[in-house]
C-alpha atoms as a PDB file:
ATOM      1  CA  MET A   1     -12.114   0.495  15.642  1.00  0.00           C
ATOM      2  CA  THR A   2     -14.747  -2.254  15.806  1.00  0.00           C
ATOM      3  CA  GLN A   3     -13.410  -3.657  12.537  1.00  0.00           C
ATOM      4  CA  LEU A   4      -9.884  -3.840  13.982  1.00  0.00           C
ATOM      5  CA  LEU A   5     -11.133  -5.586  17.122  1.00  0.00           C
ATOM      6  CA  LEU A   6     -13.030  -8.133  15.035  1.00  0.00           C
ATOM      7  CA  GLU A   7      -9.949  -8.772  12.907  1.00  0.00           C
ATOM      8  CA  VAL A   8      -7.772  -9.360  15.966  1.00  0.00           C
ATOM      9  CA  LEU A   9     -10.373 -11.682  17.489  1.00  0.00           C
ATOM     10  CA  ALA A  10     -10.592 -13.583  14.199  1.00  0.00           C
ATOM     11  CA  ALA A  11      -6.793 -13.872  14.027  1.00  0.00           C
ATOM     12  CA  THR A  12      -6.706 -15.116  17.616  1.00  0.00           C
ATOM     13  CA  ALA A  13      -9.480 -17.665  17.018  1.00  0.00           C
ATOM     14  CA  GLY A  14      -7.928 -18.754  13.726  1.00  0.00           C
ATOM     15  CA  THR A  15      -4.589 -19.274  15.398  1.00  0.00           C
ATOM     16  CA  ILE A  16      -6.168 -21.387  18.114  1.00  0.00           C
ATOM     17  CA  ALA A  17      -7.999 -23.410  15.445  1.00  0.00           C
ATOM     18  CA  PHE A  18      -4.740 -23.877  13.556  1.00  0.00           C
ATOM     19  CA  SER A  19      -3.115 -25.055  16.789  1.00  0.00           C
ATOM     20  CA  LEU A  20      -5.922 -27.546  17.340  1.00  0.00           C
ATOM     21  CA  LEU A  21      -5.630 -28.810  13.766  1.00  0.00           C
ATOM     22  CA  PHE A  22      -1.904 -29.434  14.117  1.00  0.00           C
ATOM     23  CA  GLY A  23      -2.060 -31.190  17.473  1.00  0.00           C
ATOM     24  CA  VAL A  24      -0.699 -28.522  19.794  1.00  0.00           C
ATOM     25  CA  PRO A  25      -1.446 -29.556  23.403  1.00  0.00           C
ATOM     26  CA  GLY A  26      -4.484 -27.757  24.798  1.00  0.00           C
ATOM     27  CA  LYS A  27      -2.559 -26.107  27.616  1.00  0.00           C
ATOM     28  CA  TYR A  28      -0.803 -23.922  25.021  1.00  0.00           C
ATOM     29  CA  TYR A  29      -3.882 -22.696  23.129  1.00  0.00           C
ATOM     30  CA  LEU A  30      -4.095 -19.356  24.941  1.00  0.00           C
ATOM     31  CA  GLU A  31      -0.485 -18.423  24.219  1.00  0.00           C
ATOM     32  CA  CYS A  32      -0.818 -19.589  20.614  1.00  0.00           C
ATOM     33  CA  GLY A  33      -3.913 -17.445  20.178  1.00  0.00           C
ATOM     34  CA  LEU A  34      -2.235 -14.456  21.793  1.00  0.00           C
ATOM     35  CA  THR A  35       0.754 -14.878  19.505  1.00  0.00           C
ATOM     36  CA  GLY A  36      -1.405 -14.716  16.387  1.00  0.00           C
ATOM     37  CA  GLY A  37      -3.536 -11.894  17.773  1.00  0.00           C
ATOM     38  CA  ILE A  38      -0.520  -9.791  18.741  1.00  0.00           C
ATOM     39  CA  GLY A  39       1.049 -10.245  15.333  1.00  0.00           C
ATOM     40  CA  TRP A  40      -2.105  -9.292  13.455  1.00  0.00           C
ATOM     41  CA  LEU A  41      -2.829  -6.329  15.732  1.00  0.00           C
ATOM     42  CA  LEU A  42       0.658  -4.922  15.246  1.00  0.00           C
ATOM     43  CA  TYR A  43       0.499  -5.489  11.490  1.00  0.00           C
ATOM     44  CA  ARG A  44      -2.855  -3.718  11.130  1.00  0.00           C
ATOM     45  CA  LEU A  45      -1.840  -0.814  13.390  1.00  0.00           C
ATOM     46  CA  LEU A  46       1.334  -0.293  11.369  1.00  0.00           C
ATOM     47  CA  VAL A  47      -0.517  -0.432   8.052  1.00  0.00           C
ATOM     48  CA  LEU A  48      -3.332   1.849   9.213  1.00  0.00           C
ATOM     49  CA  PHE A  49      -1.446   4.459  11.218  1.00  0.00           C
ATOM     50  CA  THR A  50       2.071   4.656   9.781  1.00  0.00           C
ATOM     51  CA  PRO A  51       3.425   5.294   6.297  1.00  0.00           C
ATOM     52  CA  LEU A  52       5.095   1.850   6.300  1.00  0.00           C
ATOM     53  CA  GLN A  53       4.558  -0.388   3.291  1.00  0.00           C
ATOM     54  CA  PRO A  54       2.911  -3.774   4.028  1.00  0.00           C
ATOM     55  CA  GLY A  55       6.231  -5.625   3.632  1.00  0.00           C
ATOM     56  CA  TYR A  56       7.854  -3.592   6.400  1.00  0.00           C
ATOM     57  CA  ALA A  57       4.774  -3.909   8.586  1.00  0.00           C
ATOM     58  CA  THR A  58       4.870  -7.673   8.063  1.00  0.00           C
ATOM     59  CA  PHE A  59       8.543  -7.759   9.043  1.00  0.00           C
ATOM     60  CA  LEU A  60       7.890  -5.910  12.312  1.00  0.00           C
ATOM     61  CA  ALA A  61       4.774  -7.966  13.114  1.00  0.00           C
ATOM     62  CA  ALA A  62       6.592 -11.239  12.387  1.00  0.00           C
ATOM     63  CA  ALA A  63       9.472 -10.091  14.592  1.00  0.00           C
ATOM     64  CA  ALA A  64       6.974  -9.439  17.393  1.00  0.00           C
ATOM     65  CA  VAL A  65       5.464 -12.906  16.857  1.00  0.00           C
ATOM     66  CA  ALA A  66       8.898 -14.532  16.990  1.00  0.00           C
ATOM     67  CA  LEU A  67       9.868 -12.529  20.067  1.00  0.00           C
ATOM     68  CA  TYR A  68       6.652 -13.366  21.919  1.00  0.00           C
ATOM     69  CA  SER A  69       7.043 -17.015  20.856  1.00  0.00           C
ATOM     70  CA  ARG A  70      10.486 -17.167  22.419  1.00  0.00           C
ATOM     71  CA  ILE A  71       9.225 -15.536  25.613  1.00  0.00           C
ATOM     72  CA  ALA A  72       6.215 -17.880  25.832  1.00  0.00           C
ATOM     73  CA  ALA A  73       8.448 -20.883  25.200  1.00  0.00           C
ATOM     74  CA  VAL A  74      10.713 -19.945  28.096  1.00  0.00           C
ATOM     75  CA  ARG A  75       7.766 -19.248  30.384  1.00  0.00           C
ATOM     76  CA  ARG A  76       5.969 -22.473  29.477  1.00  0.00           C
ATOM     77  CA  ARG A  77       9.134 -24.599  29.113  1.00  0.00           C
ATOM     78  CA  CYS A  78       8.387 -25.947  25.661  1.00  0.00           C
ATOM     79  CA  PRO A  79       9.780 -25.511  22.129  1.00  0.00           C
ATOM     80  CA  THR A  80       9.431 -22.095  20.509  1.00  0.00           C
ATOM     81  CA  THR A  81       7.966 -23.619  17.375  1.00  0.00           C
ATOM     82  CA  VAL A  82       4.765 -24.512  19.259  1.00  0.00           C
ATOM     83  CA  PHE A  83       3.914 -20.814  19.369  1.00  0.00           C
ATOM     84  CA  LEU A  84       5.799 -19.577  16.325  1.00  0.00           C
ATOM     85  CA  ILE A  85       4.241 -21.824  13.683  1.00  0.00           C
ATOM     86  CA  ALA A  86       0.730 -21.165  14.944  1.00  0.00           C
ATOM     87  CA  GLY A  87       1.329 -17.458  15.598  1.00  0.00           C
ATOM     88  CA  ILE A  88       2.716 -16.679  12.160  1.00  0.00           C
ATOM     89  CA  PHE A  89      -0.403 -18.133  10.509  1.00  0.00           C
ATOM     90  CA  PRO A  90      -2.367 -14.837  10.231  1.00  0.00           C
ATOM     91  CA  LEU A  91       0.575 -13.096   8.515  1.00  0.00           C
ATOM     92  CA  VAL A  92       1.185 -15.719   5.814  1.00  0.00           C
ATOM     93  CA  PRO A  93       0.270 -14.317   2.375  1.00  0.00           C
ATOM     94  CA  GLY A  94      -2.262 -16.996   1.458  1.00  0.00           C
ATOM     95  CA  ALA A  95      -4.530 -14.643  -0.484  1.00  0.00           C
ATOM     96  CA  GLY A  96      -1.558 -13.311  -2.446  1.00  0.00           C
ATOM     97  CA  ILE A  97      -0.550 -16.815  -3.448  1.00  0.00           C
ATOM     98  CA  TYR A  98      -4.139 -17.638  -4.386  1.00  0.00           C
ATOM     99  CA  TRP A  99      -4.472 -14.570  -6.600  1.00  0.00           C
ATOM    100  CA  THR A 100      -1.117 -15.230  -8.221  1.00  0.00           C
ATOM    101  CA  VAL A 101      -2.243 -18.683  -9.307  1.00  0.00           C
ATOM    102  CA  TYR A 102      -5.667 -17.388 -10.302  1.00  0.00           C
ATOM    103  CA  TYR A 103      -4.131 -14.725 -12.547  1.00  0.00           C
ATOM    104  CA  LEU A 104      -1.768 -17.280 -14.055  1.00  0.00           C
ATOM    105  CA  VAL A 105      -4.666 -19.592 -14.893  1.00  0.00           C
ATOM    106  CA  THR A 106      -6.729 -16.749 -16.367  1.00  0.00           C
ATOM    107  CA  ASP A 107      -3.749 -15.600 -18.453  1.00  0.00           C
ATOM    108  CA  GLU A 108      -3.290 -12.263 -16.680  1.00  0.00           C
ATOM    109  CA  ALA A 109       0.502 -12.276 -16.580  1.00  0.00           C
ATOM    110  CA  ALA A 110       0.968  -8.683 -15.367  1.00  0.00           C
ATOM    111  CA  LEU A 111      -1.454  -9.150 -12.464  1.00  0.00           C
ATOM    112  CA  ALA A 112       0.077 -12.541 -11.648  1.00  0.00           C
ATOM    113  CA  TRP A 113       3.543 -10.990 -11.556  1.00  0.00           C
ATOM    114  CA  ALA A 114       2.395  -8.126  -9.303  1.00  0.00           C
ATOM    115  CA  SER A 115       0.536 -10.300  -6.790  1.00  0.00           C
ATOM    116  CA  GLY A 116       3.281 -12.948  -6.854  1.00  0.00           C
ATOM    117  CA  ALA A 117       5.967 -10.358  -6.141  1.00  0.00           C
ATOM    118  CA  ALA A 118       3.948  -8.942  -3.240  1.00  0.00           C
ATOM    119  CA  ALA A 119       3.376 -12.431  -1.776  1.00  0.00           C
ATOM    120  CA  LEU A 120       7.062 -13.232  -2.141  1.00  0.00           C
ATOM    121  CA  LYS A 121       8.063  -9.988  -0.396  1.00  0.00           C
ATOM    122  CA  THR A 122       5.711 -10.802   2.467  1.00  0.00           C
ATOM    123  CA  ALA A 123       7.053 -14.329   2.832  1.00  0.00           C
ATOM    124  CA  PHE A 124      10.636 -13.048   2.695  1.00  0.00           C
ATOM    125  CA  ALA A 125       9.858 -10.426   5.379  1.00  0.00           C
ATOM    126  CA  ILE A 126       8.509 -13.176   7.652  1.00  0.00           C
ATOM    127  CA  VAL A 127      11.609 -15.313   7.165  1.00  0.00           C
ATOM    128  CA  LEU A 128      13.978 -12.394   7.810  1.00  0.00           C
ATOM    129  CA  ALA A 129      12.114 -11.371  10.958  1.00  0.00           C
ATOM    130  CA  ILE A 130      12.192 -14.886  12.391  1.00  0.00           C
ATOM    131  CA  ALA A 131      15.892 -15.233  11.583  1.00  0.00           C
ATOM    132  CA  ALA A 132      16.678 -11.865  13.189  1.00  0.00           C
ATOM    133  CA  VAL A 133      14.877 -12.721  16.429  1.00  0.00           C
ATOM    134  CA  PHE A 134      16.435 -16.184  16.586  1.00  0.00           C
ATOM    135  CA  GLU A 135      19.865 -14.576  16.445  1.00  0.00           C
ATOM    136  CA  LEU A 136      19.242 -13.085  19.887  1.00  0.00           C
ATOM    137  CA  PRO A 137      21.117 -15.111  22.506  1.00  0.00           C
ATOM    138  CA  ARG A 138      19.083 -17.622  24.478  1.00  0.00           C
ATOM    139  CA  GLY A 139      20.332 -16.124  27.725  1.00  0.00           C
ATOM    140  CA  ALA A 140      18.516 -12.881  26.952  1.00  0.00           C
ATOM    141  CA  PHE A 141      15.242 -14.691  27.612  1.00  0.00           C
ATOM    142  CA  ARG A 142      16.158 -16.062  31.056  1.00  0.00           C
ATOM    143  CA  LEU A 143      14.498 -13.007  32.539  1.00  0.00           C
ATOM    144  CA  PHE A 144      11.138 -14.530  31.542  1.00  0.00           C
ATOM    145  CA  ALA A 145      11.796 -17.973  33.007  1.00  0.00           C
ATOM    146  CA  PRO A 146       9.537 -19.000  35.878  1.00  0.00           C
ATOM    147  CA  ARG A 147      11.148 -18.783  39.290  1.00  0.00           C
ATOM    148  CA  ARG A 148      12.130 -22.085  40.845  1.00  0.00           C
ATOM    149  CA  ARG A 149      10.894 -22.924  44.301  1.00  0.00           C
ATOM    150  CA  HIS A 150      13.435 -24.101  46.847  1.00  0.00           C
END
């Protein structure tokens, strides 16, 4: 359990650092960090405690990231991409891409193919999840809009 907590904290901190690196305004750092932390927490819980394959877990975690990004964007009155791009960062298959190239360079074609296919499945799951959530009508998120004062 401590390992999971450390992973979520690292994902949250990494997401905030990514936000800082790409010039996200400071007032959005908390939501950006929460977006990345929520996505990683859901991914790890699904991988650890369900029989789901990592590709399916990535799809569900990326859908949660996209959903929370849309909610945060409505609440904070800013573009969804502020939270989405930063929040998806922990789920991106960077290690899989690295190992694919490494195996290609070291002439390990079978290992390169296996790690490349896994990285591609992960990336495709992220894209499908984002597309699915963005198909939800904008009006469905009005519930989360801040109340106007009269």
